[in-house]
């Protein structure tokens, strides 16, 4: 695992997320393509909570707090429990990017960490390298989701005009 490359991936995904969230109004941020989908606002709130309560926190458990108990998280449940779609979109974006900045600063000091160090809990075992790699993959998952949500927005704002000429989606 090349820490520098993965760190740069996290920096790059941060900027991709920043771009995907730009130009979106509060109303547009709340739109859900269907009842099962998340809105852009829900994705943003999810990224913020995951940044604070999951990836950075659990990577710290693996590397520095082996004797502490891994805490439970409920990312899917938080969407409704924490009323994500009722939050202020601009404030949610600011909170996420502030937390991501903290994460990137914290990660800089971990370049020489033992990435094979493993933490075992009731949920199973995970190495620090797996957690860091999963953090980056998680960003990509939500970048893809945000692209899909922006496409849905484009389909709506371009009506009555068809966009088939752009190519198959």
C-alpha atoms as a PDB file:
ATOM      1  CA  UNK A   1       0.000   0.000   0.000  1.00  0.00           C
ATOM      2  CA  UNK A   2       1.358   3.383  -0.970  1.00  0.00           C
ATOM      3  CA  UNK A   3       0.155   5.823   1.691  1.00  0.00           C
ATOM      4  CA  UNK A   4       0.971   8.880  -0.407  1.00  0.00           C
ATOM      5  CA  UNK A   5      -1.124   7.679  -3.353  1.00  0.00           C
ATOM      6  CA  UNK A   6      -4.090   6.795  -1.134  1.00  0.00           C
ATOM      7  CA  UNK A   7      -3.824  10.103   0.724  1.00  0.00           C
ATOM      8  CA  UNK A   8      -3.891  11.938  -2.619  1.00  0.00           C
ATOM      9  CA  UNK A   9      -6.957   9.899  -3.622  1.00  0.00           C
ATOM     10  CA  UNK A  10      -8.739  11.147  -0.492  1.00  0.00           C
ATOM     11  CA  UNK A  11      -7.699  14.727  -1.286  1.00  0.00           C
ATOM     12  CA  UNK A  12      -8.920  14.335  -4.867  1.00  0.00           C
ATOM     13  CA  UNK A  13     -12.221  12.780  -3.869  1.00  0.00           C
ATOM     14  CA  UNK A  14     -12.764  15.696  -1.486  1.00  0.00           C
ATOM     15  CA  UNK A  15     -12.512  18.100  -4.410  1.00  0.00           C
ATOM     16  CA  UNK A  16     -14.795  15.921  -6.548  1.00  0.00           C
ATOM     17  CA  UNK A  17     -17.399  15.989  -3.780  1.00  0.00           C
ATOM     18  CA  UNK A  18     -16.965  19.761  -3.446  1.00  0.00           C
ATOM     19  CA  UNK A  19     -17.649  20.171  -7.180  1.00  0.00           C
ATOM     20  CA  UNK A  20     -20.639  17.824  -7.133  1.00  0.00           C
ATOM     21  CA  UNK A  21     -22.206  19.799  -4.286  1.00  0.00           C
ATOM     22  CA  UNK A  22     -21.666  23.191  -5.896  1.00  0.00           C
ATOM     23  CA  UNK A  23     -24.510  25.073  -7.544  1.00  0.00           C
ATOM     24  CA  UNK A  24     -27.198  23.099  -5.726  1.00  0.00           C
ATOM     25  CA  UNK A  25     -29.987  24.987  -3.966  1.00  0.00           C
ATOM     26  CA  UNK A  26     -31.541  23.918  -0.668  1.00  0.00           C
ATOM     27  CA  UNK A  27     -34.646  22.780  -2.547  1.00  0.00           C
ATOM     28  CA  UNK A  28     -32.678  20.797  -5.124  1.00  0.00           C
ATOM     29  CA  UNK A  29     -30.582  19.232  -2.370  1.00  0.00           C
ATOM     30  CA  UNK A  30     -33.729  17.729  -0.800  1.00  0.00           C
ATOM     31  CA  UNK A  31     -35.079  16.099  -3.973  1.00  0.00           C
ATOM     32  CA  UNK A  32     -35.207  12.310  -3.900  1.00  0.00           C
ATOM     33  CA  UNK A  33     -35.654  10.475  -7.226  1.00  0.00           C
ATOM     34  CA  UNK A  34     -37.850   7.941  -5.408  1.00  0.00           C
ATOM     35  CA  UNK A  35     -38.783   6.932  -1.867  1.00  0.00           C
ATOM     36  CA  UNK A  36     -35.840   4.526  -1.540  1.00  0.00           C
ATOM     37  CA  UNK A  37     -33.218   6.973  -2.815  1.00  0.00           C
ATOM     38  CA  UNK A  38     -31.221   9.447  -0.825  1.00  0.00           C
ATOM     39  CA  UNK A  39     -31.188  13.133  -1.647  1.00  0.00           C
ATOM     40  CA  UNK A  40     -28.029  15.164  -2.182  1.00  0.00           C
ATOM     41  CA  UNK A  41     -28.591  16.619   1.295  1.00  0.00           C
ATOM     42  CA  UNK A  42     -28.859  13.158   2.829  1.00  0.00           C
ATOM     43  CA  UNK A  43     -25.620  12.086   1.141  1.00  0.00           C
ATOM     44  CA  UNK A  44     -23.899  15.223   2.444  1.00  0.00           C
ATOM     45  CA  UNK A  45     -25.086  14.655   6.028  1.00  0.00           C
ATOM     46  CA  UNK A  46     -24.081  11.000   5.771  1.00  0.00           C
ATOM     47  CA  UNK A  47     -20.580  11.929   4.619  1.00  0.00           C
ATOM     48  CA  UNK A  48     -20.261  14.342   7.561  1.00  0.00           C
ATOM     49  CA  UNK A  49     -21.319  11.753  10.139  1.00  0.00           C
ATOM     50  CA  UNK A  50     -19.164   9.045   8.585  1.00  0.00           C
ATOM     51  CA  UNK A  51     -16.191  11.412   8.667  1.00  0.00           C
ATOM     52  CA  UNK A  52     -16.606  12.062  12.398  1.00  0.00           C
ATOM     53  CA  UNK A  53     -18.008   8.812  13.723  1.00  0.00           C
ATOM     54  CA  UNK A  54     -16.727   6.082  11.447  1.00  0.00           C
ATOM     55  CA  UNK A  55     -13.626   6.173   9.287  1.00  0.00           C
ATOM     56  CA  UNK A  56     -11.280   8.527  11.174  1.00  0.00           C
ATOM     57  CA  UNK A  57     -12.557   7.289  14.526  1.00  0.00           C
ATOM     58  CA  UNK A  58     -12.254   3.607  13.682  1.00  0.00           C
ATOM     59  CA  UNK A  59      -8.856   4.002  12.041  1.00  0.00           C
ATOM     60  CA  UNK A  60      -7.741   5.629  15.276  1.00  0.00           C
ATOM     61  CA  UNK A  61      -9.126   2.644  17.229  1.00  0.00           C
ATOM     62  CA  UNK A  62      -7.118   0.253  15.064  1.00  0.00           C
ATOM     63  CA  UNK A  63      -3.865   2.201  15.315  1.00  0.00           C
ATOM     64  CA  UNK A  64      -3.969   3.740  18.794  1.00  0.00           C
ATOM     65  CA  UNK A  65      -6.789   2.410  20.960  1.00  0.00           C
ATOM     66  CA  UNK A  66      -6.612  -1.360  20.835  1.00  0.00           C
ATOM     67  CA  UNK A  67      -7.860  -1.673  24.421  1.00  0.00           C
ATOM     68  CA  UNK A  68     -11.041   0.335  23.824  1.00  0.00           C
ATOM     69  CA  UNK A  69     -14.323  -1.050  22.591  1.00  0.00           C
ATOM     70  CA  UNK A  70     -15.321  -0.233  19.023  1.00  0.00           C
ATOM     71  CA  UNK A  71     -18.538   1.766  19.131  1.00  0.00           C
ATOM     72  CA  UNK A  72     -21.670   0.969  17.168  1.00  0.00           C
ATOM     73  CA  UNK A  73     -22.687   3.071  14.201  1.00  0.00           C
ATOM     74  CA  UNK A  74     -25.936   3.117  12.257  1.00  0.00           C
ATOM     75  CA  UNK A  75     -25.320   4.990   8.993  1.00  0.00           C
ATOM     76  CA  UNK A  76     -28.497   3.785   7.273  1.00  0.00           C
ATOM     77  CA  UNK A  77     -30.651   4.557  10.324  1.00  0.00           C
ATOM     78  CA  UNK A  78     -29.105   7.974  10.858  1.00  0.00           C
ATOM     79  CA  UNK A  79     -30.729   9.205   7.640  1.00  0.00           C
ATOM     80  CA  UNK A  80     -34.143   9.226   9.311  1.00  0.00           C
ATOM     81  CA  UNK A  81     -33.104   9.332  12.998  1.00  0.00           C
ATOM     82  CA  UNK A  82     -31.079  12.490  12.460  1.00  0.00           C
ATOM     83  CA  UNK A  83     -33.557  13.933   9.954  1.00  0.00           C
ATOM     84  CA  UNK A  84     -30.914  14.524   7.323  1.00  0.00           C
ATOM     85  CA  UNK A  85     -33.314  15.831   4.708  1.00  0.00           C
ATOM     86  CA  UNK A  86     -34.467  18.586   7.075  1.00  0.00           C
ATOM     87  CA  UNK A  87     -30.936  19.931   7.649  1.00  0.00           C
ATOM     88  CA  UNK A  88     -29.516  23.122   6.166  1.00  0.00           C
ATOM     89  CA  UNK A  89     -27.611  22.144   3.028  1.00  0.00           C
ATOM     90  CA  UNK A  90     -24.979  24.894   3.129  1.00  0.00           C
ATOM     91  CA  UNK A  91     -24.276  24.289   6.821  1.00  0.00           C
ATOM     92  CA  UNK A  92     -24.031  20.541   6.175  1.00  0.00           C
ATOM     93  CA  UNK A  93     -21.519  21.082   3.372  1.00  0.00           C
ATOM     94  CA  UNK A  94     -19.417  23.358   5.576  1.00  0.00           C
ATOM     95  CA  UNK A  95     -19.455  20.843   8.424  1.00  0.00           C
ATOM     96  CA  UNK A  96     -18.387  17.994   6.135  1.00  0.00           C
ATOM     97  CA  UNK A  97     -15.513  19.929   4.572  1.00  0.00           C
ATOM     98  CA  UNK A  98     -14.336  21.151   7.999  1.00  0.00           C
ATOM     99  CA  UNK A  99     -14.275  17.548   9.251  1.00  0.00           C
ATOM    100  CA  UNK A 100     -12.535  16.347   6.099  1.00  0.00           C
ATOM    101  CA  UNK A 101      -9.866  19.014   6.604  1.00  0.00           C
ATOM    102  CA  UNK A 102      -9.326  17.689  10.160  1.00  0.00           C
ATOM    103  CA  UNK A 103      -9.084  14.162   8.781  1.00  0.00           C
ATOM    104  CA  UNK A 104      -6.530  15.074   6.143  1.00  0.00           C
ATOM    105  CA  UNK A 105      -4.420  16.929   8.727  1.00  0.00           C
ATOM    106  CA  UNK A 106      -4.660  13.967  11.115  1.00  0.00           C
ATOM    107  CA  UNK A 107      -3.793  11.471   8.370  1.00  0.00           C
ATOM    108  CA  UNK A 108      -0.626  13.355   7.374  1.00  0.00           C
ATOM    109  CA  UNK A 109       0.980  12.195  10.604  1.00  0.00           C
ATOM    110  CA  UNK A 110       0.201   8.554   9.823  1.00  0.00           C
ATOM    111  CA  UNK A 111       2.396   8.091   6.765  1.00  0.00           C
ATOM    112  CA  UNK A 112       4.616   5.603   8.597  1.00  0.00           C
ATOM    113  CA  UNK A 113       1.816   3.838  10.486  1.00  0.00           C
ATOM    114  CA  UNK A 114       1.637   0.058  10.753  1.00  0.00           C
ATOM    115  CA  UNK A 115      -1.038  -0.514   8.099  1.00  0.00           C
ATOM    116  CA  UNK A 116      -1.115  -4.236   8.877  1.00  0.00           C
ATOM    117  CA  UNK A 117      -2.105  -3.612  12.495  1.00  0.00           C
ATOM    118  CA  UNK A 118      -5.461  -5.289  13.098  1.00  0.00           C
ATOM    119  CA  UNK A 119      -8.312  -4.573  15.466  1.00  0.00           C
ATOM    120  CA  UNK A 120     -10.680  -7.364  16.412  1.00  0.00           C
ATOM    121  CA  UNK A 121     -14.122  -6.647  17.795  1.00  0.00           C
ATOM    122  CA  UNK A 122     -17.484  -8.385  17.896  1.00  0.00           C
ATOM    123  CA  UNK A 123     -17.922  -7.133  14.306  1.00  0.00           C
ATOM    124  CA  UNK A 124     -14.833  -8.976  13.078  1.00  0.00           C
ATOM    125  CA  UNK A 125     -11.226  -8.039  12.332  1.00  0.00           C
ATOM    126  CA  UNK A 126      -9.943  -5.214  10.191  1.00  0.00           C
ATOM    127  CA  UNK A 127      -6.477  -3.907   9.475  1.00  0.00           C
ATOM    128  CA  UNK A 128      -5.599  -0.228   9.408  1.00  0.00           C
ATOM    129  CA  UNK A 129      -4.844  -0.545   5.692  1.00  0.00           C
ATOM    130  CA  UNK A 130      -8.264  -2.051   5.025  1.00  0.00           C
ATOM    131  CA  UNK A 131      -9.935   0.765   6.939  1.00  0.00           C
ATOM    132  CA  UNK A 132      -8.004   3.455   5.063  1.00  0.00           C
ATOM    133  CA  UNK A 133      -8.690   1.801   1.705  1.00  0.00           C
ATOM    134  CA  UNK A 134     -12.382   1.449   2.589  1.00  0.00           C
ATOM    135  CA  UNK A 135     -12.545   5.158   3.456  1.00  0.00           C
ATOM    136  CA  UNK A 136     -11.395   6.024  -0.060  1.00  0.00           C
ATOM    137  CA  UNK A 137     -13.745   3.484  -1.641  1.00  0.00           C
ATOM    138  CA  UNK A 138     -16.609   4.922   0.436  1.00  0.00           C
ATOM    139  CA  UNK A 139     -15.942   8.356  -1.047  1.00  0.00           C
ATOM    140  CA  UNK A 140     -16.083   6.835  -4.539  1.00  0.00           C
ATOM    141  CA  UNK A 141     -19.376   5.126  -3.757  1.00  0.00           C
ATOM    142  CA  UNK A 142     -20.931   8.466  -2.809  1.00  0.00           C
ATOM    143  CA  UNK A 143     -19.299  10.329  -5.684  1.00  0.00           C
ATOM    144  CA  UNK A 144     -21.071   7.886  -7.995  1.00  0.00           C
ATOM    145  CA  UNK A 145     -24.304   8.442  -6.058  1.00  0.00           C
ATOM    146  CA  UNK A 146     -23.944  12.235  -6.310  1.00  0.00           C
ATOM    147  CA  UNK A 147     -23.326  11.979 -10.064  1.00  0.00           C
ATOM    148  CA  UNK A 148     -26.558   9.965 -10.387  1.00  0.00           C
ATOM    149  CA  UNK A 149     -28.451  12.559  -8.331  1.00  0.00           C
ATOM    150  CA  UNK A 150     -27.065  15.408 -10.430  1.00  0.00           C
ATOM    151  CA  UNK A 151     -28.124  13.531 -13.574  1.00  0.00           C
ATOM    152  CA  UNK A 152     -31.643  13.262 -12.159  1.00  0.00           C
ATOM    153  CA  UNK A 153     -31.573  17.014 -11.505  1.00  0.00           C
ATOM    154  CA  UNK A 154     -30.423  17.707 -15.074  1.00  0.00           C
ATOM    155  CA  UNK A 155     -33.239  15.548 -16.448  1.00  0.00           C
ATOM    156  CA  UNK A 156     -35.701  17.723 -14.514  1.00  0.00           C
ATOM    157  CA  UNK A 157     -34.262  21.177 -15.187  1.00  0.00           C
ATOM    158  CA  UNK A 158     -33.917  20.610 -18.940  1.00  0.00           C
ATOM    159  CA  UNK A 159     -37.606  19.751 -19.438  1.00  0.00           C
ATOM    160  CA  UNK A 160     -39.369  19.977 -21.832  1.00  0.00           C
ATOM    161  CA  UNK A 161     -36.245  19.289 -23.860  1.00  0.00           C
ATOM    162  CA  UNK A 162     -34.954  15.780 -24.408  1.00  0.00           C
ATOM    163  CA  UNK A 163     -31.338  14.944 -23.602  1.00  0.00           C
ATOM    164  CA  UNK A 164     -31.070  11.630 -25.494  1.00  0.00           C
ATOM    165  CA  UNK A 165     -28.568  13.162 -27.895  1.00  0.00           C
ATOM    166  CA  UNK A 166     -26.076  13.215 -24.999  1.00  0.00           C
ATOM    167  CA  UNK A 167     -25.907   9.437 -25.125  1.00  0.00           C
ATOM    168  CA  UNK A 168     -27.228   6.493 -23.145  1.00  0.00           C
ATOM    169  CA  UNK A 169     -27.132   6.833 -19.377  1.00  0.00           C
END
